Amino acid sequence: MSKVKKFRIISYKSSAKPALKMKNISKSFDGVPVLQNLNLNIFPGSINGLLGENGSGKTTLFNLILGTLKANKGEIFAKGNTLISSMPIHERCKKFKISYVPQKTSLFLGLSCVENIRAICQLMTGDSRKIDETCDRLLTEFSLLDVTNIKANDLSGGQKKKLSIARALIGEPSIMLLDEIFSALSPKVIENIKNIIVNLQTSRKSLTILISDHIYSHILDISDIVHILSDGEIIKSKKPGDIIKDPDAMKAYFGNI
């Protein structure tokens, strides 16, 4: 582990309500189960790592949270006990401020870096001055000023990832889902993205992050809590230092590391 994160959220007040709660969630495709009676609690302000093998259902879980898929069984709650399972995607994302960065780029590749940010801003506000301020702030925060007018298609992999995260922050989300955010990046860029994610927690204290990957070291470096997804369910949820020593987690995912 490269010790990217200098602190961890160790515990939560007993009165704290989960920012996101999934209860007895099951999902199958053509009769083949992917998730089975899955339970997951994610608490406000924390960085949560989701680890599982390729094909274990991580992206399916994200799509259920977003509402692009519907569970065969179970319930999803936001901000404590507000049921969102039956809400359409636009309603739950707007009301509960859920943002998503998919593994494959969702950028407008024919638009420039700043135009990508501006396009999302225009969907959320008609205030031109506020749009300009948001563009300037995000381009500066994510070190994209040098590529402001470069088309997204011509950006490097790391720049595309930074732009994707920047766009997802428009509207000040409460919950951010990052799906395989480190995929196809060089080690140097991965370290940079790790630091960006950790800095989001300190600069936006109300932001709750759920981040998936299948390479455990990336997740252990930056998470407060790590959840292991195996055989369609969350088998363990523990702090990074404890999860790698857990016999069940070792058997299902880590092996002998």
Protein backbone atom coordinates (compact mmCIF):
# COMPACT_ATOMS: atom_id res chain seq x y z
CA MET A 1 0.00 0.00 0.00
CA SER A 2 1.36 3.41 -0.91
CA LYS A 3 -0.20 5.31 1.99
CA VAL A 4 -1.97 7.91 -0.12
CA LYS A 5 -4.45 8.70 2.61
CA LYS A 6 -3.16 10.20 5.85
CA PHE A 7 -6.37 9.72 7.82
CA ARG A 8 -9.37 7.41 8.02
CA ILE A 9 -12.90 7.82 9.26
CA ILE A 10 -12.67 5.23 12.02
CA SER A 11 -16.24 5.08 13.25
CA TYR A 12 -19.62 6.69 12.95
CA LYS A 13 -21.98 7.99 15.59
CA SER A 14 -24.61 5.43 16.48
CA SER A 15 -27.26 7.97 15.52
CA ALA A 16 -25.84 8.54 12.03
CA LYS A 17 -28.19 7.54 9.24
CA PRO A 18 -26.72 5.90 6.13
CA ALA A 19 -26.38 8.15 3.12
CA LEU A 20 -27.22 5.06 1.10
CA LYS A 21 -28.74 1.77 2.19
CA MET A 22 -29.42 -1.37 0.15
CA LYS A 23 -31.56 -4.06 1.74
CA ASN A 24 -31.97 -7.62 0.45
CA ILE A 25 -31.20 -6.65 -3.14
CA SER A 26 -31.36 -9.36 -5.78
CA LYS A 27 -30.85 -8.98 -9.52
CA SER A 28 -30.69 -11.57 -12.27
CA PHE A 29 -30.33 -11.47 -16.05
CA ASP A 30 -32.09 -14.13 -18.11
CA GLY A 31 -32.50 -16.20 -14.98
CA VAL A 32 -28.82 -15.99 -14.04
CA PRO A 33 -28.39 -14.37 -10.58
CA VAL A 34 -25.84 -11.57 -10.30
CA LEU A 35 -26.75 -10.11 -6.91
CA GLN A 36 -28.47 -12.15 -4.20
CA ASN A 37 -29.95 -10.70 -1.01
CA LEU A 38 -27.25 -8.03 -0.93
CA ASN A 39 -27.12 -5.65 2.04
CA LEU A 40 -24.96 -2.53 2.12
CA ASN A 41 -24.78 0.59 4.31
CA ILE A 42 -22.75 3.62 3.26
CA PHE A 43 -22.35 6.46 5.74
CA PRO A 44 -22.13 10.22 5.05
CA GLY A 45 -18.78 11.78 4.26
CA SER A 46 -16.93 8.48 3.83
CA ILE A 47 -14.96 6.95 0.99
CA ASN A 48 -16.18 3.41 0.40
CA GLY A 49 -14.25 0.90 -1.66
CA LEU A 50 -16.12 -1.85 -3.49
CA LEU A 51 -13.91 -4.80 -4.40
CA GLY A 52 -14.89 -7.79 -6.49
CA GLU A 53 -13.68 -9.87 -9.38
CA ASN A 54 -14.56 -8.89 -12.94
CA GLY A 55 -18.18 -9.86 -13.51
CA SER A 56 -19.00 -9.92 -9.80
CA GLY A 57 -21.77 -7.33 -10.17
CA LYS A 58 -20.10 -4.04 -9.23
CA THR A 59 -21.45 -2.12 -12.22
CA THR A 60 -24.86 -3.76 -11.80
CA LEU A 61 -24.91 -2.49 -8.22
CA PHE A 62 -24.14 1.05 -9.40
CA ASN A 63 -26.88 0.90 -12.03
CA LEU A 64 -29.38 -0.19 -9.40
CA ILE A 65 -28.43 2.78 -7.22
CA LEU A 66 -28.80 5.13 -10.19
CA GLY A 67 -32.08 3.61 -11.30
CA THR A 68 -30.98 2.56 -14.78
CA LEU A 69 -31.74 -0.99 -13.66
CA LYS A 70 -34.48 -2.27 -11.36
CA ALA A 71 -33.89 -4.95 -8.78
CA ASN A 72 -35.88 -8.16 -8.90
CA LYS A 73 -36.19 -7.93 -5.14
CA GLY A 74 -35.15 -5.61 -2.32
CA GLU A 75 -35.17 -1.94 -1.42
CA ILE A 76 -32.81 1.02 -1.76
CA PHE A 77 -32.90 3.96 0.65
CA ALA A 78 -31.17 7.36 0.59
CA LYS A 79 -30.57 9.79 3.44
CA GLY A 80 -31.65 7.31 6.07
CA ASN A 81 -35.07 5.83 5.46
CA THR A 82 -36.27 7.49 2.24
CA LEU A 83 -37.19 4.74 -0.20
CA ILE A 84 -35.91 5.49 -3.70
CA SER A 85 -36.26 2.08 -5.38
CA SER A 86 -39.30 3.10 -7.42
CA MET A 87 -38.09 6.60 -8.30
CA PRO A 88 -37.02 7.30 -11.91
CA ILE A 89 -33.36 8.06 -12.49
CA HIS A 90 -33.79 11.81 -13.00
CA GLU A 91 -35.80 12.21 -9.80
CA ARG A 92 -33.49 10.28 -7.50
CA CYS A 93 -30.37 11.90 -8.97
CA LYS A 94 -31.80 15.41 -8.65
CA LYS A 95 -33.48 15.04 -5.26
CA PHE A 96 -30.68 13.09 -3.60
CA LYS A 97 -27.82 14.54 -5.67
CA ILE A 98 -26.34 11.30 -6.96
CA SER A 99 -23.60 11.59 -9.58
CA TYR A 100 -21.86 8.87 -11.56
CA VAL A 101 -18.57 8.46 -13.41
CA PRO A 102 -18.76 5.28 -15.54
CA GLN A 103 -15.81 3.11 -16.49
CA LYS A 104 -16.19 3.98 -20.17
CA THR A 105 -16.05 7.67 -20.97
CA SER A 106 -19.28 9.63 -21.08
CA LEU A 107 -17.56 12.81 -22.26
CA PHE A 108 -18.72 14.71 -25.32
CA LEU A 109 -15.64 13.79 -27.32
CA GLY A 110 -16.23 16.37 -30.05
CA LEU A 111 -16.44 19.23 -27.58
CA SER A 112 -13.54 20.98 -25.88
CA CYS A 113 -12.67 20.52 -22.23
CA VAL A 114 -14.43 23.72 -21.14
CA GLU A 115 -17.40 23.02 -23.43
CA ASN A 116 -17.91 19.69 -21.69
CA ILE A 117 -18.20 21.45 -18.34
CA ARG A 118 -20.30 24.27 -19.75
CA ALA A 119 -22.76 21.85 -21.37
CA ILE A 120 -23.56 20.17 -18.05
CA CYS A 121 -23.76 23.54 -16.29
CA GLN A 122 -26.31 24.76 -18.81
CA LEU A 123 -28.55 21.80 -18.00
CA MET A 124 -28.57 22.84 -14.35
CA THR A 125 -28.69 26.62 -14.45
CA GLY A 126 -29.42 29.47 -16.83
CA ASP A 127 -27.21 31.88 -14.91
CA SER A 128 -24.37 32.68 -17.33
CA ARG A 129 -22.18 34.24 -14.64
CA LYS A 130 -22.54 31.17 -12.43
CA ILE A 131 -21.67 28.96 -15.40
CA ASP A 132 -18.50 30.96 -16.05
CA GLU A 133 -17.51 30.79 -12.39
CA THR A 134 -18.08 27.02 -12.25
CA CYS A 135 -16.02 26.45 -15.39
CA ASP A 136 -13.12 28.53 -14.09
CA ARG A 137 -13.23 26.88 -10.67
CA LEU A 138 -13.28 23.30 -11.93
CA LEU A 139 -10.66 23.84 -14.63
CA THR A 140 -8.37 25.32 -11.99
CA GLU A 141 -9.11 22.70 -9.32
CA PHE A 142 -8.42 19.82 -11.69
CA SER A 143 -5.38 21.38 -13.39
CA LEU A 144 -7.06 21.50 -16.79
CA LEU A 145 -6.42 25.15 -17.66
CA ASP A 146 -3.70 24.20 -20.15
CA VAL A 147 -6.16 22.07 -22.12
CA THR A 148 -9.21 24.31 -21.80
CA ASN A 149 -9.86 24.45 -25.56
CA ILE A 150 -8.60 20.98 -26.47
CA LYS A 151 -11.26 18.54 -27.67
CA ALA A 152 -12.01 15.79 -25.18
CA ASN A 153 -11.14 13.17 -27.79
CA ASP A 154 -7.58 14.53 -27.87
CA LEU A 155 -7.02 14.54 -24.11
CA SER A 156 -4.81 11.97 -22.40
CA GLY A 157 -6.41 9.17 -20.38
CA GLY A 158 -5.68 10.95 -17.12
CA GLN A 159 -7.06 14.25 -18.36
CA LYS A 160 -10.24 12.52 -19.49
CA LYS A 161 -10.67 10.99 -16.03
CA LYS A 162 -10.12 14.35 -14.34
CA LEU A 163 -12.61 16.02 -16.65
CA SER A 164 -15.13 13.26 -15.99
CA ILE A 165 -14.82 13.73 -12.22
CA ALA A 166 -15.01 17.52 -12.60
CA ARG A 167 -18.24 17.24 -14.58
CA ALA A 168 -19.70 14.89 -11.96
CA LEU A 169 -19.14 17.57 -9.30
CA ILE A 170 -21.37 20.11 -11.06
CA GLY A 171 -24.45 20.52 -8.92
CA GLU A 172 -22.56 19.70 -5.70
CA PRO A 173 -23.53 16.00 -5.37
CA SER A 174 -24.04 14.28 -2.05
CA ILE A 175 -23.23 10.80 -3.37
CA MET A 176 -20.64 10.08 -6.05
CA LEU A 177 -20.27 6.69 -7.73
CA LEU A 178 -16.92 6.00 -9.41
CA ASP A 179 -16.92 2.81 -11.48
CA GLU A 180 -13.49 1.31 -12.23
CA ILE A 181 -12.03 4.83 -12.18
CA PHE A 182 -8.42 3.54 -12.38
CA SER A 183 -8.97 1.35 -15.42
CA ALA A 184 -6.44 1.69 -18.28
CA LEU A 185 -4.34 4.34 -16.52
CA SER A 186 -0.59 4.42 -15.92
CA PRO A 187 0.71 4.05 -12.33
CA LYS A 188 1.64 7.75 -12.18
CA VAL A 189 -1.82 8.87 -13.29
CA ILE A 190 -3.47 6.43 -10.86
CA GLU A 191 -1.60 8.05 -7.96
CA ASN A 192 -2.78 11.46 -9.16
CA ILE A 193 -6.42 10.32 -9.34
CA LYS A 194 -6.14 8.76 -5.87
CA ASN A 195 -5.01 12.09 -4.44
CA ILE A 196 -7.84 13.90 -6.22
CA ILE A 197 -10.41 11.56 -4.65
CA VAL A 198 -8.94 11.96 -1.15
CA ASN A 199 -8.89 15.75 -1.59
CA LEU A 200 -12.57 15.68 -2.52
CA GLN A 201 -13.33 14.28 0.91
CA THR A 202 -11.56 17.14 2.67
CA SER A 203 -12.81 19.91 0.38
CA ARG A 204 -16.42 18.67 0.21
CA LYS A 205 -17.16 17.25 3.64
CA SER A 206 -20.76 16.33 2.78
CA LEU A 207 -19.71 14.17 -0.17
CA THR A 208 -20.04 10.39 0.16
CA ILE A 209 -18.04 8.31 -2.32
CA LEU A 210 -18.47 4.72 -3.50
CA ILE A 211 -15.61 3.61 -5.73
CA SER A 212 -15.13 0.24 -7.40
CA ASP A 213 -12.11 -1.55 -8.75
CA HIS A 214 -10.81 -5.10 -9.08
CA ILE A 215 -7.24 -4.19 -8.06
CA TYR A 216 -7.28 -4.10 -4.29
CA SER A 217 -4.24 -1.86 -3.67
CA HIS A 218 -5.89 1.17 -5.32
CA ILE A 219 -8.94 0.83 -3.09
CA LEU A 220 -7.10 0.08 0.15
CA ASP A 221 -5.00 3.23 -0.20
CA ILE A 222 -7.89 5.68 -0.14
CA SER A 223 -10.94 4.06 1.46
CA ASP A 224 -12.33 4.43 4.97
CA ILE A 225 -14.36 1.25 4.61
CA VAL A 226 -13.90 -1.59 2.10
CA HIS A 227 -16.77 -3.83 1.01
CA ILE A 228 -16.09 -7.23 -0.58
CA LEU A 229 -18.61 -8.35 -3.21
CA SER A 230 -18.56 -12.10 -3.79
CA ASP A 231 -21.16 -14.60 -4.96
CA GLY A 232 -23.71 -11.82 -5.34
CA GLU A 233 -23.51 -10.39 -1.83
CA ILE A 234 -21.39 -8.19 0.40
CA ILE A 235 -19.55 -10.73 2.51
CA LYS A 236 -17.47 -8.26 4.57
CA SER A 237 -17.29 -4.52 5.27
CA LYS A 238 -14.24 -3.41 7.24
CA LYS A 239 -11.45 -0.87 7.48
CA PRO A 240 -8.61 -1.50 4.98
CA GLY A 241 -6.17 -2.73 7.61
CA ASP A 242 -8.69 -5.24 8.93
CA ILE A 243 -10.23 -6.43 5.67
CA ILE A 244 -6.95 -7.81 4.30
CA LYS A 245 -6.60 -9.97 7.44
CA ASP A 246 -10.17 -11.24 7.46
CA PRO A 247 -10.29 -15.01 6.71
CA ASP A 248 -13.53 -14.79 4.70
CA ALA A 249 -12.25 -11.85 2.64
CA MET A 250 -8.95 -13.62 2.04
CA LYS A 251 -10.71 -16.77 0.87
CA ALA A 252 -13.18 -14.97 -1.39
CA TYR A 253 -10.95 -12.27 -2.87
CA PHE A 254 -7.45 -11.51 -1.56
CA GLY A 255 -5.90 -14.96 -1.37
CA ASN A 256 -2.53 -15.05 0.34
CA ILE A 257 -1.19 -11.51 -0.07
